[in-house]
Amino acid sequence: SEARMAPEDGRDVSLLRHWTRERLDALHTDPGRRLGRERW
């Protein structure tokens, strides 16, 4: 109810998920993307 920055459901824990996905989608290298898929 008080969240201003988080996406959709408004919880900061969901913001963490959004931040992670945003960063993994921006990766440049094949080795980085492979490791990113594993961590995701």
All heavy atoms as atom14 arrays in JSON, in Angstrom:
{
  "sequence": "SEARMAPEDGRDVSLLRHWTRERLDALHTDPGRRLGRERW",
  "atom14_mask": [
    [1, 1, 1, 1, 1, 1, 0, 0, 0, 0, 0, 0, 0, 0],
    [1, 1, 1, 1, 1, 1, 1, 1, 1, 0, 0, 0, 0, 0],
    [1, 1, 1, 1, 1, 0, 0, 0, 0, 0, 0, 0, 0, 0],
    [1, 1, 1, 1, 1, 1, 1, 1, 1, 1, 1, 0, 0, 0],
    [1, 1, 1, 1, 1, 1, 1, 1, 0, 0, 0, 0, 0, 0],
    [1, 1, 1, 1, 1, 0, 0, 0, 0, 0, 0, 0, 0, 0],
    [1, 1, 1, 1, 1, 1, 1, 0, 0, 0, 0, 0, 0, 0],
    [1, 1, 1, 1, 1, 1, 1, 1, 1, 0, 0, 0, 0, 0],
    [1, 1, 1, 1, 1, 1, 1, 1, 0, 0, 0, 0, 0, 0],
    [1, 1, 1, 1, 0, 0, 0, 0, 0, 0, 0, 0, 0, 0],
    [1, 1, 1, 1, 1, 1, 1, 1, 1, 1, 1, 0, 0, 0],
    [1, 1, 1, 1, 1, 1, 1, 1, 0, 0, 0, 0, 0, 0],
    [1, 1, 1, 1, 1, 1, 1, 0, 0, 0, 0, 0, 0, 0],
    [1, 1, 1, 1, 1, 1, 0, 0, 0, 0, 0, 0, 0, 0],
    [1, 1, 1, 1, 1, 1, 1, 1, 0, 0, 0, 0, 0, 0],
    [1, 1, 1, 1, 1, 1, 1, 1, 0, 0, 0, 0, 0, 0],
    [1, 1, 1, 1, 1, 1, 1, 1, 1, 1, 1, 0, 0, 0],
    [1, 1, 1, 1, 1, 1, 1, 1, 1, 1, 0, 0, 0, 0],
    [1, 1, 1, 1, 1, 1, 1, 1, 1, 1, 1, 1, 1, 1],
    [1, 1, 1, 1, 1, 1, 1, 0, 0, 0, 0, 0, 0, 0],
    [1, 1, 1, 1, 1, 1, 1, 1, 1, 1, 1, 0, 0, 0],
    [1, 1, 1, 1, 1, 1, 1, 1, 1, 0, 0, 0, 0, 0],
    [1, 1, 1, 1, 1, 1, 1, 1, 1, 1, 1, 0, 0, 0],
    [1, 1, 1, 1, 1, 1, 1, 1, 0, 0, 0, 0, 0, 0],
    [1, 1, 1, 1, 1, 1, 1, 1, 0, 0, 0, 0, 0, 0],
    [1, 1, 1, 1, 1, 0, 0, 0, 0, 0, 0, 0, 0, 0],
    [1, 1, 1, 1, 1, 1, 1, 1, 0, 0, 0, 0, 0, 0],
    [1, 1, 1, 1, 1, 1, 1, 1, 1, 1, 0, 0, 0, 0],
    [1, 1, 1, 1, 1, 1, 1, 0, 0, 0, 0, 0, 0, 0],
    [1, 1, 1, 1, 1, 1, 1, 1, 0, 0, 0, 0, 0, 0],
    [1, 1, 1, 1, 1, 1, 1, 0, 0, 0, 0, 0, 0, 0],
    [1, 1, 1, 1, 0, 0, 0, 0, 0, 0, 0, 0, 0, 0],
    [1, 1, 1, 1, 1, 1, 1, 1, 1, 1, 1, 0, 0, 0],
    [1, 1, 1, 1, 1, 1, 1, 1, 1, 1, 1, 0, 0, 0],
    [1, 1, 1, 1, 1, 1, 1, 1, 0, 0, 0, 0, 0, 0],
    [1, 1, 1, 1, 0, 0, 0, 0, 0, 0, 0, 0, 0, 0],
    [1, 1, 1, 1, 1, 1, 1, 1, 1, 1, 1, 0, 0, 0],
    [1, 1, 1, 1, 1, 1, 1, 1, 1, 0, 0, 0, 0, 0],
    [1, 1, 1, 1, 1, 1, 1, 1, 1, 1, 1, 0, 0, 0],
    [1, 1, 1, 1, 1, 1, 1, 1, 1, 1, 1, 1, 1, 1]
  ],
  "atom14_positions": [
    [[0.8, -1.22, 0.0], [0.0, 0.0, 0.0], [0.84, 1.27, 0.0], [0.39, 2.3, -0.5], [-0.94, 0.01, 1.21], [-0.2, 0.0, 2.42], [0.0, 0.0, 0.0], [0.0, 0.0, 0.0], [0.0, 0.0, 0.0], [0.0, 0.0, 0.0], [0.0, 0.0, 0.0], [0.0, 0.0, 0.0], [0.0, 0.0, 0.0], [0.0, 0.0, 0.0]],
    [[2.06, 1.22, 0.57], [2.86, 2.44, 0.66], [3.97, 2.5, -0.38], [4.72, 3.46, -0.43], [3.49, 2.53, 2.06], [2.49, 2.68, 3.19], [1.63, 3.91, 3.03], [2.17, 4.94, 2.6], [0.43, 3.85, 3.31], [0.0, 0.0, 0.0], [0.0, 0.0, 0.0], [0.0, 0.0, 0.0], [0.0, 0.0, 0.0], [0.0, 0.0, 0.0]],
    [[4.1, 1.48, -1.19], [5.23, 1.43, -2.13], [5.04, 2.43, -3.27], [3.94, 2.63, -3.75], [5.39, 0.03, -2.69], [0.0, 0.0, 0.0], [0.0, 0.0, 0.0], [0.0, 0.0, 0.0], [0.0, 0.0, 0.0], [0.0, 0.0, 0.0], [0.0, 0.0, 0.0], [0.0, 0.0, 0.0], [0.0, 0.0, 0.0], [0.0, 0.0, 0.0]],
    [[6.15, 3.05, -3.7], [6.1, 4.01, -4.79], [6.93, 3.57, -6.0], [6.7, 4.02, -7.09], [6.64, 5.37, -4.32], [5.75, 6.06, -3.31], [6.23, 7.47, -3.02], [7.49, 7.47, -2.28], [8.64, 7.85, -2.79], [8.72, 8.24, -4.03], [9.73, 7.84, -2.06], [0.0, 0.0, 0.0], [0.0, 0.0, 0.0], [0.0, 0.0, 0.0]],
    [[7.91, 2.7, -5.78], [8.84, 2.4, -6.86], [8.67, 0.99, -7.42], [9.08, 0.72, -8.54], [10.29, 2.53, -6.36], [10.68, 3.95, -6.0], [12.34, 4.01, -5.32], [13.3, 3.32, -6.67], [0.0, 0.0, 0.0], [0.0, 0.0, 0.0], [0.0, 0.0, 0.0], [0.0, 0.0, 0.0], [0.0, 0.0, 0.0], [0.0, 0.0, 0.0]],
    [[8.11, 0.07, -6.67], [8.1, -1.32, -7.08], [7.12, -1.56, -8.22], [6.1, -0.89, -8.32], [7.75, -2.21, -5.89], [0.0, 0.0, 0.0], [0.0, 0.0, 0.0], [0.0, 0.0, 0.0], [0.0, 0.0, 0.0], [0.0, 0.0, 0.0], [0.0, 0.0, 0.0], [0.0, 0.0, 0.0], [0.0, 0.0, 0.0], [0.0, 0.0, 0.0]],
    [[7.4, -2.53, -9.1], [6.5, -2.82, -10.2], [5.31, -3.66, -9.77], [5.39, -4.43, -8.82], [7.4, -3.62, -11.17], [8.38, -4.31, -10.25], [8.63, -3.34, -9.12], [0.0, 0.0, 0.0], [0.0, 0.0, 0.0], [0.0, 0.0, 0.0], [0.0, 0.0, 0.0], [0.0, 0.0, 0.0], [0.0, 0.0, 0.0], [0.0, 0.0, 0.0]],
    [[4.2, -3.51, -10.45], [3.02, -4.36, -10.35], [2.51, -4.53, -8.92], [1.68, -3.77, -8.47], [3.31, -5.72, -11.02], [3.58, -5.55, -12.5], [3.81, -6.86, -13.2], [3.69, -7.93, -12.55], [4.12, -6.82, -14.4], [0.0, 0.0, 0.0], [0.0, 0.0, 0.0], [0.0, 0.0, 0.0], [0.0, 0.0, 0.0], [0.0, 0.0, 0.0]],
    [[3.01, -5.54, -8.18], [2.4, -5.79, -6.87], [2.93, -4.85, -5.8], [2.45, -4.86, -4.67], [2.56, -7.25, -6.45], [4.01, -7.65, -6.21], [4.88, -6.77, -6.15], [4.27, -8.86, -6.07], [0.0, 0.0, 0.0], [0.0, 0.0, 0.0], [0.0, 0.0, 0.0], [0.0, 0.0, 0.0], [0.0, 0.0, 0.0], [0.0, 0.0, 0.0]],
    [[3.96, -4.02, -6.12], [4.37, -2.96, -5.23], [5.28, -3.34, -4.08], [5.64, -2.51, -3.27], [0.0, 0.0, 0.0], [0.0, 0.0, 0.0], [0.0, 0.0, 0.0], [0.0, 0.0, 0.0], [0.0, 0.0, 0.0], [0.0, 0.0, 0.0], [0.0, 0.0, 0.0], [0.0, 0.0, 0.0], [0.0, 0.0, 0.0], [0.0, 0.0, 0.0]],
    [[5.69, -4.59, -3.97], [6.55, -4.97, -2.86], [8.02, -4.81, -3.25], [8.4, -5.08, -4.38], [6.28, -6.42, -2.47], [4.9, -6.62, -1.86], [4.65, -8.07, -1.54], [4.74, -8.9, -2.74], [4.42, -10.19, -2.74], [4.02, -10.79, -1.64], [4.52, -10.91, -3.85], [0.0, 0.0, 0.0], [0.0, 0.0, 0.0], [0.0, 0.0, 0.0]],
    [[8.84, -4.44, -2.28], [10.26, -4.29, -2.57], [10.89, -5.62, -2.97], [11.85, -5.65, -3.73], [10.98, -3.7, -1.36], [10.78, -2.2, -1.28], [10.72, -1.55, -2.33], [10.65, -1.68, -0.17], [0.0, 0.0, 0.0], [0.0, 0.0, 0.0], [0.0, 0.0, 0.0], [0.0, 0.0, 0.0], [0.0, 0.0, 0.0], [0.0, 0.0, 0.0]],
    [[10.36, -6.72, -2.46], [10.92, -8.01, -2.85], [10.68, -8.27, -4.34], [11.49, -8.88, -5.02], [10.35, -9.16, -1.98], [8.88, -9.42, -2.3], [11.18, -10.42, -2.15], [0.0, 0.0, 0.0], [0.0, 0.0, 0.0], [0.0, 0.0, 0.0], [0.0, 0.0, 0.0], [0.0, 0.0, 0.0], [0.0, 0.0, 0.0], [0.0, 0.0, 0.0]],
    [[9.56, -7.76, -4.87], [9.32, -7.87, -6.3], [10.23, -6.94, -7.09], [10.61, -7.23, -8.22], [7.87, -7.56, -6.62], [7.01, -8.51, -6.03], [0.0, 0.0, 0.0], [0.0, 0.0, 0.0], [0.0, 0.0, 0.0], [0.0, 0.0, 0.0], [0.0, 0.0, 0.0], [0.0, 0.0, 0.0], [0.0, 0.0, 0.0], [0.0, 0.0, 0.0]],
    [[10.58, -5.81, -6.49], [11.54, -4.91, -7.12], [12.88, -5.62, -7.32], [13.54, -5.43, -8.34], [11.72, -3.65, -6.26], [12.65, -2.57, -6.8], [12.16, -2.05, -8.13], [12.77, -1.43, -5.79], [0.0, 0.0, 0.0], [0.0, 0.0, 0.0], [0.0, 0.0, 0.0], [0.0, 0.0, 0.0], [0.0, 0.0, 0.0], [0.0, 0.0, 0.0]],
    [[13.28, -6.46, -6.36], [14.53, -7.21, -6.52], [14.48, -8.09, -7.76], [15.44, -8.17, -8.52], [14.79, -8.08, -5.29], [14.83, -7.41, -3.92], [15.29, -8.41, -2.86], [15.72, -6.19, -3.92], [0.0, 0.0, 0.0], [0.0, 0.0, 0.0], [0.0, 0.0, 0.0], [0.0, 0.0, 0.0], [0.0, 0.0, 0.0], [0.0, 0.0, 0.0]],
    [[13.36, -8.75, -7.94], [13.21, -9.62, -9.12], [13.27, -8.8, -10.41], [13.92, -9.2, -11.39], [11.88, -10.37, -9.01], [11.67, -11.41, -10.1], [10.38, -12.18, -9.8], [10.2, -13.29, -10.69], [9.35, -14.29, -10.46], [8.63, -14.28, -9.35], [9.22, -15.27, -11.32], [0.0, 0.0, 0.0], [0.0, 0.0, 0.0], [0.0, 0.0, 0.0]],
    [[12.61, -7.66, -10.41], [12.6, -6.78, -11.57], [14.02, -6.29, -11.88], [14.46, -6.3, -13.04], [11.67, -5.6, -11.3], [11.7, -4.54, -12.36], [11.09, -4.69, -13.58], [12.3, -3.32, -12.38], [11.29, -3.6, -14.31], [12.01, -2.76, -13.6], [0.0, 0.0, 0.0], [0.0, 0.0, 0.0], [0.0, 0.0, 0.0], [0.0, 0.0, 0.0]],
    [[14.74, -5.86, -10.85], [16.11, -5.39, -11.05], [17.0, -6.49, -11.61], [17.82, -6.25, -12.5], [16.69, -4.91, -9.72], [16.29, -3.52, -9.33], [15.67, -2.59, -10.12], [16.47, -2.91, -8.06], [15.46, -1.43, -9.4], [15.94, -1.6, -8.14], [17.03, -3.33, -6.86], [15.97, -0.71, -7.06], [17.06, -2.46, -5.78], [16.53, -1.17, -5.89]],
    [[16.87, -7.69, -11.09], [17.68, -8.8, -11.57], [17.42, -9.08, -13.04], [18.35, -9.2, -13.85], [17.42, -10.07, -10.75], [17.68, -9.81, -9.37], [18.29, -11.21, -11.22], [0.0, 0.0, 0.0], [0.0, 0.0, 0.0], [0.0, 0.0, 0.0], [0.0, 0.0, 0.0], [0.0, 0.0, 0.0], [0.0, 0.0, 0.0], [0.0, 0.0, 0.0]],
    [[16.14, -9.18, -13.41], [15.79, -9.48, -14.8], [16.28, -8.39, -15.73], [16.8, -8.67, -16.83], [14.27, -9.64, -14.91], [13.76, -10.13, -16.25], [14.2, -11.55, -16.53], [15.36, -11.63, -17.39], [16.03, -12.73, -17.61], [15.67, -13.86, -17.01], [17.08, -12.75, -18.41], [0.0, 0.0, 0.0], [0.0, 0.0, 0.0], [0.0, 0.0, 0.0]],
    [[16.13, -7.14, -15.3], [16.58, -6.01, -16.11], [18.07, -6.11, -16.4], [18.52, -5.85, -17.54], [16.27, -4.71, -15.37], [16.71, -3.44, -16.08], [16.46, -2.21, -15.24], [16.73, -2.23, -14.01], [15.98, -1.21, -15.82], [0.0, 0.0, 0.0], [0.0, 0.0, 0.0], [0.0, 0.0, 0.0], [0.0, 0.0, 0.0], [0.0, 0.0, 0.0]],
    [[18.85, -6.48, -15.4], [20.3, -6.56, -15.57], [20.7, -7.76, -16.44], [21.6, -7.64, -17.28], [20.97, -6.61, -14.2], [21.05, -5.22, -13.57], [21.04, -5.22, -12.05], [21.15, -3.85, -11.57], [20.14, -2.96, -11.59], [18.96, -3.32, -12.08], [20.32, -1.74, -11.12], [0.0, 0.0, 0.0], [0.0, 0.0, 0.0], [0.0, 0.0, 0.0]],
    [[20.06, -8.87, -16.25], [20.4, -10.04, -17.05], [20.01, -9.83, -18.51], [20.7, -10.33, -19.41], [19.72, -11.28, -16.48], [20.2, -11.72, -15.09], [19.47, -12.97, -14.65], [21.71, -11.93, -15.06], [0.0, 0.0, 0.0], [0.0, 0.0, 0.0], [0.0, 0.0, 0.0], [0.0, 0.0, 0.0], [0.0, 0.0, 0.0], [0.0, 0.0, 0.0]],
    [[18.95, -9.11, -18.76], [18.54, -8.84, -20.14], [19.53, -7.91, -20.86], [19.52, -7.85, -22.09], [17.15, -8.2, -20.17], [16.04, -9.2, -19.87], [16.32, -10.43, -19.95], [14.92, -8.78, -19.54], [0.0, 0.0, 0.0], [0.0, 0.0, 0.0], [0.0, 0.0, 0.0], [0.0, 0.0, 0.0], [0.0, 0.0, 0.0], [0.0, 0.0, 0.0]],
    [[20.35, -7.2, -20.11], [21.28, -6.24, -20.7], [22.67, -6.81, -20.95], [23.54, -6.11, -21.47], [21.41, -5.02, -19.78], [0.0, 0.0, 0.0], [0.0, 0.0, 0.0], [0.0, 0.0, 0.0], [0.0, 0.0, 0.0], [0.0, 0.0, 0.0], [0.0, 0.0, 0.0], [0.0, 0.0, 0.0], [0.0, 0.0, 0.0], [0.0, 0.0, 0.0]],
    [[22.91, -8.08, -20.62], [24.24, -8.65, -20.74], [24.72, -8.67, -22.19], [23.93, -8.83, -23.12], [24.26, -10.08, -20.17], [23.93, -10.2, -18.68], [23.95, -11.65, -18.25], [24.88, -9.36, -17.83], [0.0, 0.0, 0.0], [0.0, 0.0, 0.0], [0.0, 0.0, 0.0], [0.0, 0.0, 0.0], [0.0, 0.0, 0.0], [0.0, 0.0, 0.0]],
    [[26.04, -8.54, -22.38], [26.62, -8.38, -23.71], [27.25, -9.66, -24.26], [27.29, -9.84, -25.48], [27.7, -7.3, -23.68], [27.17, -5.92, -23.45], [26.61, -5.14, -24.45], [27.1, -5.17, -22.32], [26.23, -3.99, -23.95], [26.52, -3.97, -22.66], [0.0, 0.0, 0.0], [0.0, 0.0, 0.0], [0.0, 0.0, 0.0], [0.0, 0.0, 0.0]],
    [[27.8, -10.51, -23.43], [28.63, -11.61, -23.92], [27.92, -12.95, -23.78], [27.07, -13.14, -22.9], [29.96, -11.68, -23.14], [29.71, -12.06, -21.78], [30.67, -10.32, -23.17], [0.0, 0.0, 0.0], [0.0, 0.0, 0.0], [0.0, 0.0, 0.0], [0.0, 0.0, 0.0], [0.0, 0.0, 0.0], [0.0, 0.0, 0.0], [0.0, 0.0, 0.0]],
    [[28.31, -13.9, -24.63], [27.74, -15.25, -24.54], [28.06, -15.92, -23.2], [27.16, -16.5, -22.58], [28.24, -16.1, -25.7], [27.63, -15.68, -27.03], [26.55, -15.05, -27.02], [28.23, -15.99, -28.08], [0.0, 0.0, 0.0], [0.0, 0.0, 0.0], [0.0, 0.0, 0.0], [0.0, 0.0, 0.0], [0.0, 0.0, 0.0], [0.0, 0.0, 0.0]],
    [[29.32, -15.86, -22.71], [29.58, -16.45, -21.39], [28.76, -15.8, -20.28], [28.28, -16.47, -19.36], [31.08, -16.22, -21.18], [31.64, -16.04, -22.54], [30.57, -15.38, -23.34], [0.0, 0.0, 0.0], [0.0, 0.0, 0.0], [0.0, 0.0, 0.0], [0.0, 0.0, 0.0], [0.0, 0.0, 0.0], [0.0, 0.0, 0.0], [0.0, 0.0, 0.0]],
    [[28.56, -14.49, -20.36], [27.75, -13.8, -19.36], [26.31, -14.25, -19.41], [25.69, -14.49, -18.36], [0.0, 0.0, 0.0], [0.0, 0.0, 0.0], [0.0, 0.0, 0.0], [0.0, 0.0, 0.0], [0.0, 0.0, 0.0], [0.0, 0.0, 0.0], [0.0, 0.0, 0.0], [0.0, 0.0, 0.0], [0.0, 0.0, 0.0], [0.0, 0.0, 0.0]],
    [[25.76, -14.39, -20.61], [24.37, -14.82, -20.72], [24.19, -16.26, -20.25], [23.14, -16.58, -19.64], [23.89, -14.64, -22.16], [23.64, -13.17, -22.54], [22.99, -13.05, -23.9], [23.94, -13.28, -24.97], [24.62, -12.32, -25.6], [24.46, -11.05, -25.22], [25.45, -12.59, -26.57], [0.0, 0.0, 0.0], [0.0, 0.0, 0.0], [0.0, 0.0, 0.0]],
    [[25.16, -17.1, -20.5], [25.05, -18.49, -20.03], [25.01, -18.53, -18.51], [24.18, -19.23, -17.91], [26.21, -19.33, -20.56], [26.09, -19.69, -22.03], [27.04, -20.79, -22.41], [28.43, -20.4, -22.32], [29.12, -19.84, -23.33], [28.52, -19.61, -24.5], [30.4, -19.52, -23.18], [0.0, 0.0, 0.0], [0.0, 0.0, 0.0], [0.0, 0.0, 0.0]],
    [[25.93, -17.8, -17.87], [25.92, -17.77, -16.42], [24.67, -17.08, -15.89], [24.11, -17.47, -14.85], [27.18, -17.05, -15.91], [27.4, -17.04, -14.39], [27.37, -18.45, -13.81], [28.72, -16.35, -14.05], [0.0, 0.0, 0.0], [0.0, 0.0, 0.0], [0.0, 0.0, 0.0], [0.0, 0.0, 0.0], [0.0, 0.0, 0.0], [0.0, 0.0, 0.0]],
    [[24.2, -16.08, -16.62], [22.98, -15.39, -16.22], [21.78, -16.32, -16.21], [20.94, -16.26, -15.29], [0.0, 0.0, 0.0], [0.0, 0.0, 0.0], [0.0, 0.0, 0.0], [0.0, 0.0, 0.0], [0.0, 0.0, 0.0], [0.0, 0.0, 0.0], [0.0, 0.0, 0.0], [0.0, 0.0, 0.0], [0.0, 0.0, 0.0], [0.0, 0.0, 0.0]],
    [[21.67, -17.19, -17.2], [20.55, -18.14, -17.22], [20.6, -19.07, -16.02], [19.56, -19.38, -15.4], [20.58, -18.95, -18.52], [20.13, -18.16, -19.74], [19.9, -19.05, -20.93], [21.13, -19.63, -21.44], [21.88, -19.06, -22.37], [21.55, -17.88, -22.89], [22.98, -19.66, -22.8], [0.0, 0.0, 0.0], [0.0, 0.0, 0.0], [0.0, 0.0, 0.0]],
    [[21.79, -19.51, -15.66], [21.95, -20.39, -14.5], [21.54, -19.68, -13.21], [20.81, -20.24, -12.38], [23.4, -20.86, -14.4], [23.72, -21.71, -13.2], [25.2, -22.02, -13.11], [25.83, -22.22, -14.18], [25.73, -22.05, -11.98], [0.0, 0.0, 0.0], [0.0, 0.0, 0.0], [0.0, 0.0, 0.0], [0.0, 0.0, 0.0], [0.0, 0.0, 0.0]],
    [[21.97, -18.44, -13.06], [21.63, -17.7, -11.84], [20.15, -17.31, -11.8], [19.55, -17.26, -10.73], [22.53, -16.47, -11.7], [23.99, -16.85, -11.47], [24.83, -15.7, -11.02], [26.19, -16.15, -10.72], [27.13, -15.39, -10.17], [26.84, -14.14, -9.84], [28.33, -15.87, -9.92], [0.0, 0.0, 0.0], [0.0, 0.0, 0.0], [0.0, 0.0, 0.0]],
    [[19.56, -17.06, -12.95], [18.14, -16.72, -12.99], [17.29, -17.9, -12.52], [16.25, -17.71, -11.89], [17.72, -16.28, -14.38], [16.27, -15.95, -14.47], [15.3, -16.63, -15.14], [15.61, -14.83, -13.85], [14.07, -16.02, -14.98], [14.24, -14.9, -14.2], [16.05, -13.77, -13.05], [13.31, -13.97, -13.77], [15.11, -12.84, -12.61], [13.76, -12.93, -12.97]]
  ]
}
